Amino acid sequence: MAKIVLTVDDSRSMREMVAFTLRKAGYEVREAEDGQKAIAILQTARADVIITDLNMPVMDGVALIRALRADPKHRSVPILMLTTESNEAKKAEGKTAGATGWLVKPFDPEKLIDVVKRVSP
């Protein structure tokens, strides 16, 4: 089971809901409000799974995934997109960038935990 999950979303309430759900299931959670801050956190800390929104200021989820997949240290870390976007073209863009999976908001807490468990190293 993954121990540490990094959740990246510009919505503080969404980060809090995801963090609450994951902590209740026994995960340690780190939070960032955009891709750039997530990269800064990952320079000094690790994450077993990353959950990112798609649409964020500064650096969006696809740019974050591309940056992480370009770094050998994060190449194999599972990255889940958690977004309001359900457009097939956006999903394809996320998958091409290296997303492991795609969940649509609003999320079902049990499904989120199940998916995190399934992709965990």
N, C-alpha and C. Protein backbone atom coordinates (compact mmCIF):
# COMPACT_ATOMS: atom_id res chain seq x y z
N MET A 1 0.84 -1.19 0.00
CA MET A 1 0.00 0.00 0.00
C MET A 1 0.88 1.24 0.00
N ALA A 2 0.51 2.23 -0.80
CA ALA A 2 1.23 3.49 -0.83
C ALA A 2 1.06 4.18 0.51
N LYS A 3 2.09 4.79 0.96
CA LYS A 3 2.03 5.49 2.24
C LYS A 3 1.82 7.00 2.05
N ILE A 4 2.47 7.58 1.04
CA ILE A 4 2.44 9.04 0.87
C ILE A 4 1.80 9.41 -0.47
N VAL A 5 0.78 10.26 -0.40
CA VAL A 5 0.10 10.74 -1.59
C VAL A 5 0.25 12.26 -1.65
N LEU A 6 0.64 12.75 -2.82
CA LEU A 6 0.70 14.19 -3.06
C LEU A 6 -0.54 14.55 -3.86
N THR A 7 -1.35 15.47 -3.34
CA THR A 7 -2.54 15.92 -4.05
C THR A 7 -2.31 17.36 -4.52
N VAL A 8 -2.58 17.60 -5.80
CA VAL A 8 -2.28 18.88 -6.44
C VAL A 8 -3.58 19.43 -7.03
N ASP A 9 -4.05 20.55 -6.49
CA ASP A 9 -5.29 21.15 -6.97
C ASP A 9 -5.31 22.61 -6.52
N ASP A 10 -5.75 23.51 -7.40
CA ASP A 10 -5.80 24.92 -7.03
C ASP A 10 -6.99 25.23 -6.11
N SER A 11 -7.93 24.30 -5.99
CA SER A 11 -9.06 24.47 -5.09
C SER A 11 -8.71 23.92 -3.71
N ARG A 12 -8.64 24.82 -2.74
CA ARG A 12 -8.30 24.40 -1.38
C ARG A 12 -9.33 23.41 -0.84
N SER A 13 -10.61 23.67 -1.11
CA SER A 13 -11.64 22.76 -0.59
C SER A 13 -11.51 21.37 -1.21
N MET A 14 -11.15 21.30 -2.48
CA MET A 14 -10.95 19.99 -3.12
C MET A 14 -9.74 19.27 -2.52
N ARG A 15 -8.64 20.01 -2.33
CA ARG A 15 -7.46 19.40 -1.68
C ARG A 15 -7.84 18.86 -0.31
N GLU A 16 -8.62 19.63 0.44
CA GLU A 16 -9.01 19.21 1.78
C GLU A 16 -9.89 17.96 1.75
N MET A 17 -10.84 17.89 0.79
CA MET A 17 -11.70 16.70 0.68
C MET A 17 -10.89 15.46 0.31
N VAL A 18 -9.97 15.60 -0.64
CA VAL A 18 -9.12 14.48 -1.05
C VAL A 18 -8.23 14.06 0.12
N ALA A 19 -7.61 15.04 0.78
CA ALA A 19 -6.72 14.75 1.91
C ALA A 19 -7.49 14.06 3.04
N PHE A 20 -8.68 14.55 3.36
CA PHE A 20 -9.49 13.94 4.41
C PHE A 20 -9.79 12.47 4.08
N THR A 21 -10.21 12.23 2.85
CA THR A 21 -10.54 10.87 2.40
C THR A 21 -9.33 9.96 2.51
N LEU A 22 -8.19 10.43 2.04
CA LEU A 22 -6.98 9.60 2.06
C LEU A 22 -6.45 9.38 3.48
N ARG A 23 -6.46 10.42 4.29
CA ARG A 23 -5.97 10.27 5.68
C ARG A 23 -6.84 9.29 6.45
N LYS A 24 -8.15 9.36 6.22
CA LYS A 24 -9.08 8.44 6.88
C LYS A 24 -8.76 6.99 6.51
N ALA A 25 -8.21 6.78 5.32
CA ALA A 25 -7.84 5.44 4.86
C ALA A 25 -6.41 5.08 5.25
N GLY A 26 -5.72 5.94 5.99
CA GLY A 26 -4.39 5.62 6.50
C GLY A 26 -3.21 6.17 5.73
N TYR A 27 -3.47 7.03 4.75
CA TYR A 27 -2.38 7.60 3.95
C TYR A 27 -1.85 8.88 4.57
N GLU A 28 -0.58 9.14 4.34
CA GLU A 28 0.00 10.44 4.66
C GLU A 28 -0.20 11.29 3.40
N VAL A 29 -0.62 12.54 3.59
CA VAL A 29 -0.95 13.38 2.44
C VAL A 29 -0.13 14.67 2.47
N ARG A 30 0.42 15.00 1.32
CA ARG A 30 1.06 16.30 1.10
C ARG A 30 0.20 17.04 0.09
N GLU A 31 0.17 18.37 0.17
CA GLU A 31 -0.69 19.15 -0.71
C GLU A 31 0.08 20.27 -1.41
N ALA A 32 -0.32 20.52 -2.67
CA ALA A 32 0.23 21.63 -3.45
C ALA A 32 -0.90 22.26 -4.25
N GLU A 33 -0.84 23.57 -4.47
CA GLU A 33 -1.92 24.24 -5.19
C GLU A 33 -1.69 24.38 -6.69
N ASP A 34 -0.52 23.98 -7.18
CA ASP A 34 -0.29 23.96 -8.63
C ASP A 34 0.91 23.06 -8.93
N GLY A 35 1.13 22.81 -10.21
CA GLY A 35 2.20 21.91 -10.61
C GLY A 35 3.58 22.37 -10.19
N GLN A 36 3.81 23.67 -10.27
CA GLN A 36 5.12 24.21 -9.90
C GLN A 36 5.42 23.96 -8.42
N LYS A 37 4.42 24.16 -7.56
CA LYS A 37 4.61 23.91 -6.13
C LYS A 37 4.78 22.41 -5.86
N ALA A 38 4.10 21.58 -6.64
CA ALA A 38 4.25 20.12 -6.50
C ALA A 38 5.68 19.71 -6.81
N ILE A 39 6.24 20.26 -7.87
CA ILE A 39 7.63 19.95 -8.23
C ILE A 39 8.58 20.40 -7.12
N ALA A 40 8.32 21.56 -6.54
CA ALA A 40 9.15 22.05 -5.44
C ALA A 40 9.09 21.10 -4.24
N ILE A 41 7.90 20.61 -3.92
CA ILE A 41 7.76 19.66 -2.82
C ILE A 41 8.52 18.38 -3.12
N LEU A 42 8.43 17.90 -4.35
CA LEU A 42 9.07 16.63 -4.72
C LEU A 42 10.59 16.72 -4.84
N GLN A 43 11.14 17.92 -4.78
CA GLN A 43 12.59 18.05 -4.77
C GLN A 43 13.18 17.63 -3.44
N THR A 44 12.37 17.73 -2.37
CA THR A 44 12.88 17.38 -1.04
C THR A 44 12.08 16.28 -0.36
N ALA A 45 10.98 15.86 -0.96
CA ALA A 45 10.14 14.82 -0.36
C ALA A 45 9.71 13.85 -1.45
N ARG A 46 9.25 12.69 -1.04
CA ARG A 46 8.81 11.70 -2.02
C ARG A 46 7.30 11.55 -1.95
N ALA A 47 6.75 10.96 -2.99
CA ALA A 47 5.33 10.59 -3.01
C ALA A 47 5.23 9.23 -3.67
N ASP A 48 4.39 8.37 -3.12
CA ASP A 48 4.17 7.05 -3.71
C ASP A 48 3.12 7.11 -4.82
N VAL A 49 2.20 8.07 -4.71
CA VAL A 49 1.16 8.32 -5.70
C VAL A 49 0.93 9.83 -5.75
N ILE A 50 0.65 10.34 -6.96
CA ILE A 50 0.34 11.76 -7.13
C ILE A 50 -1.05 11.85 -7.74
N ILE A 51 -1.88 12.72 -7.16
CA ILE A 51 -3.22 12.98 -7.70
C ILE A 51 -3.26 14.45 -8.08
N THR A 52 -3.49 14.73 -9.36
CA THR A 52 -3.46 16.12 -9.81
C THR A 52 -4.71 16.52 -10.59
N ASP A 53 -5.07 17.77 -10.41
CA ASP A 53 -6.13 18.38 -11.20
C ASP A 53 -5.55 18.67 -12.58
N LEU A 54 -6.40 18.94 -13.55
CA LEU A 54 -5.94 19.30 -14.88
C LEU A 54 -5.77 20.80 -15.01
N ASN A 55 -6.82 21.55 -14.73
CA ASN A 55 -6.82 23.00 -14.92
C ASN A 55 -6.38 23.74 -13.67
N MET A 56 -5.15 24.28 -13.70
CA MET A 56 -4.60 25.03 -12.58
C MET A 56 -3.77 26.18 -13.14
N PRO A 57 -3.65 27.27 -12.38
CA PRO A 57 -2.77 28.35 -12.82
C PRO A 57 -1.30 27.95 -12.65
N VAL A 58 -0.41 28.72 -13.17
CA VAL A 58 1.04 28.56 -13.09
C VAL A 58 1.52 27.35 -13.90
N MET A 59 1.11 26.13 -13.51
CA MET A 59 1.46 24.92 -14.25
C MET A 59 0.30 23.94 -14.12
N ASP A 60 -0.31 23.58 -15.25
CA ASP A 60 -1.45 22.68 -15.20
C ASP A 60 -1.02 21.23 -15.01
N GLY A 61 -2.02 20.36 -14.89
CA GLY A 61 -1.75 18.95 -14.62
C GLY A 61 -0.98 18.23 -15.70
N VAL A 62 -1.27 18.53 -16.96
CA VAL A 62 -0.55 17.86 -18.06
C VAL A 62 0.91 18.29 -18.07
N ALA A 63 1.16 19.58 -17.88
CA ALA A 63 2.55 20.07 -17.82
C ALA A 63 3.29 19.45 -16.64
N LEU A 64 2.60 19.30 -15.52
CA LEU A 64 3.20 18.65 -14.34
C LEU A 64 3.57 17.21 -14.67
N ILE A 65 2.66 16.48 -15.27
CA ILE A 65 2.93 15.08 -15.61
C ILE A 65 4.12 14.98 -16.56
N ARG A 66 4.15 15.82 -17.57
CA ARG A 66 5.28 15.80 -18.51
C ARG A 66 6.61 16.06 -17.79
N ALA A 67 6.60 17.05 -16.89
CA ALA A 67 7.83 17.38 -16.14
C ALA A 67 8.26 16.21 -15.26
N LEU A 68 7.30 15.57 -14.61
CA LEU A 68 7.64 14.45 -13.73
C LEU A 68 8.11 13.23 -14.52
N ARG A 69 7.49 12.96 -15.64
CA ARG A 69 7.89 11.81 -16.46
C ARG A 69 9.26 12.03 -17.11
N ALA A 70 9.69 13.28 -17.24
CA ALA A 70 11.01 13.58 -17.80
C ALA A 70 12.11 13.38 -16.76
N ASP A 71 11.74 13.28 -15.49
CA ASP A 71 12.70 13.12 -14.40
C ASP A 71 12.74 11.64 -14.00
N PRO A 72 13.89 10.98 -14.16
CA PRO A 72 13.99 9.55 -13.83
C PRO A 72 13.51 9.21 -12.41
N LYS A 73 13.66 10.15 -11.50
CA LYS A 73 13.26 9.92 -10.11
C LYS A 73 11.74 9.72 -9.97
N HIS A 74 10.97 10.32 -10.87
CA HIS A 74 9.51 10.26 -10.77
C HIS A 74 8.85 9.52 -11.93
N ARG A 75 9.66 8.96 -12.81
CA ARG A 75 9.14 8.34 -14.03
C ARG A 75 8.13 7.22 -13.76
N SER A 76 8.32 6.47 -12.68
CA SER A 76 7.44 5.32 -12.43
C SER A 76 6.38 5.58 -11.35
N VAL A 77 6.32 6.79 -10.82
CA VAL A 77 5.33 7.10 -9.79
C VAL A 77 3.94 7.17 -10.44
N PRO A 78 2.96 6.45 -9.91
CA PRO A 78 1.61 6.54 -10.48
C PRO A 78 1.05 7.96 -10.33
N ILE A 79 0.46 8.47 -11.41
CA ILE A 79 -0.13 9.81 -11.39
C ILE A 79 -1.57 9.70 -11.87
N LEU A 80 -2.49 10.12 -11.00
CA LEU A 80 -3.90 10.10 -11.33
C LEU A 80 -4.39 11.52 -11.60
N MET A 81 -5.17 11.68 -12.66
CA MET A 81 -5.82 12.96 -12.93
C MET A 81 -7.18 12.93 -12.23
N LEU A 82 -7.48 13.95 -11.43
CA LEU A 82 -8.77 14.09 -10.78
C LEU A 82 -9.30 15.45 -11.20
N THR A 83 -10.26 15.47 -12.11
CA THR A 83 -10.67 16.71 -12.75
C THR A 83 -12.14 16.71 -13.12
N THR A 84 -12.67 17.88 -13.41
CA THR A 84 -14.05 17.99 -13.90
C THR A 84 -14.12 17.64 -15.38
N GLU A 85 -12.97 17.61 -16.05
CA GLU A 85 -12.91 17.33 -17.49
C GLU A 85 -13.21 15.85 -17.77
N SER A 86 -14.14 15.61 -18.69
CA SER A 86 -14.40 14.22 -19.09
C SER A 86 -14.25 14.08 -20.61
N ASN A 87 -13.77 15.12 -21.25
CA ASN A 87 -13.56 15.16 -22.69
C ASN A 87 -12.52 14.12 -23.10
N GLU A 88 -12.84 13.31 -24.11
CA GLU A 88 -11.94 12.24 -24.56
C GLU A 88 -10.59 12.78 -25.04
N ALA A 89 -10.60 13.96 -25.69
CA ALA A 89 -9.34 14.55 -26.17
C ALA A 89 -8.44 14.92 -24.99
N LYS A 90 -9.04 15.45 -23.92
CA LYS A 90 -8.26 15.80 -22.72
C LYS A 90 -7.71 14.54 -22.06
N LYS A 91 -8.54 13.50 -22.00
CA LYS A 91 -8.08 12.22 -21.43
C LYS A 91 -6.90 11.68 -22.23
N ALA A 92 -7.00 11.75 -23.55
CA ALA A 92 -5.92 11.27 -24.41
C ALA A 92 -4.66 12.09 -24.19
N GLU A 93 -4.81 13.39 -24.03
CA GLU A 93 -3.65 14.26 -23.77
C GLU A 93 -2.99 13.87 -22.44
N GLY A 94 -3.80 13.62 -21.42
CA GLY A 94 -3.26 13.19 -20.12
C GLY A 94 -2.55 11.86 -20.22
N LYS A 95 -3.15 10.92 -20.92
CA LYS A 95 -2.54 9.59 -21.08
C LYS A 95 -1.23 9.68 -21.86
N THR A 96 -1.22 10.48 -22.92
CA THR A 96 0.00 10.66 -23.71
C THR A 96 1.11 11.29 -22.87
N ALA A 97 0.73 12.21 -21.97
CA ALA A 97 1.71 12.85 -21.09
C ALA A 97 2.28 11.86 -20.07
N GLY A 98 1.50 10.81 -19.76
CA GLY A 98 1.98 9.80 -18.82
C GLY A 98 1.08 9.56 -17.63
N ALA A 99 -0.17 10.05 -17.67
CA ALA A 99 -1.10 9.80 -16.56
C ALA A 99 -1.39 8.30 -16.45
N THR A 100 -1.46 7.82 -15.24
CA THR A 100 -1.75 6.42 -14.97
C THR A 100 -3.25 6.15 -15.03
N GLY A 101 -4.04 7.14 -14.59
CA GLY A 101 -5.49 6.97 -14.57
C GLY A 101 -6.19 8.31 -14.53
N TRP A 102 -7.53 8.28 -14.66
CA TRP A 102 -8.34 9.49 -14.78
C TRP A 102 -9.60 9.31 -13.97
N LEU A 103 -9.85 10.22 -13.03
CA LEU A 103 -11.08 10.22 -12.23
C LEU A 103 -11.79 11.55 -12.44
N VAL A 104 -13.11 11.52 -12.48
CA VAL A 104 -13.87 12.75 -12.71
C VAL A 104 -14.48 13.25 -11.39
N LYS A 105 -14.38 14.56 -11.16
CA LYS A 105 -15.01 15.20 -10.01
C LYS A 105 -16.50 15.38 -10.31
N PRO A 106 -17.35 15.35 -9.31
CA PRO A 106 -17.03 15.03 -7.92
C PRO A 106 -16.68 13.54 -7.78
N PHE A 107 -15.76 13.25 -6.89
CA PHE A 107 -15.27 11.87 -6.77
C PHE A 107 -16.03 11.12 -5.68
N ASP A 108 -16.08 9.82 -5.85
CA ASP A 108 -16.63 8.92 -4.85
C ASP A 108 -15.46 8.51 -3.95
N PRO A 109 -15.53 8.80 -2.65
CA PRO A 109 -14.41 8.49 -1.75
C PRO A 109 -13.94 7.03 -1.82
N GLU A 110 -14.88 6.10 -1.85
CA GLU A 110 -14.49 4.68 -1.91
C GLU A 110 -13.77 4.36 -3.22
N LYS A 111 -14.24 4.94 -4.31
CA LYS A 111 -13.60 4.69 -5.60
C LYS A 111 -12.20 5.29 -5.63
N LEU A 112 -12.04 6.48 -5.05
CA LEU A 112 -10.71 7.11 -4.98
C LEU A 112 -9.73 6.21 -4.23
N ILE A 113 -10.14 5.73 -3.07
CA ILE A 113 -9.27 4.85 -2.28
C ILE A 113 -8.96 3.57 -3.06
N ASP A 114 -9.96 3.00 -3.70
CA ASP A 114 -9.76 1.78 -4.48
C ASP A 114 -8.74 2.00 -5.60
N VAL A 115 -8.87 3.10 -6.32
CA VAL A 115 -7.95 3.38 -7.42
C VAL A 115 -6.54 3.62 -6.88
N VAL A 116 -6.40 4.36 -5.80
CA VAL A 116 -5.08 4.60 -5.22
C VAL A 116 -4.44 3.27 -4.81
N LYS A 117 -5.22 2.40 -4.21
CA LYS A 117 -4.69 1.07 -3.82
C LYS A 117 -4.25 0.28 -5.04
N ARG A 118 -5.04 0.34 -6.12
CA ARG A 118 -4.71 -0.45 -7.31
C ARG A 118 -3.45 0.04 -8.01
N VAL A 119 -3.18 1.34 -8.00
CA VAL A 119 -2.00 1.85 -8.71
C VAL A 119 -0.76 1.93 -7.82
N SER A 120 -0.93 1.70 -6.54
CA SER A 120 0.18 1.80 -5.61
C SER A 120 1.26 0.76 -5.88
N PRO A 121 2.50 1.21 -5.74
CA PRO A 121 3.61 0.26 -5.93
C PRO A 121 3.66 -0.80 -4.84
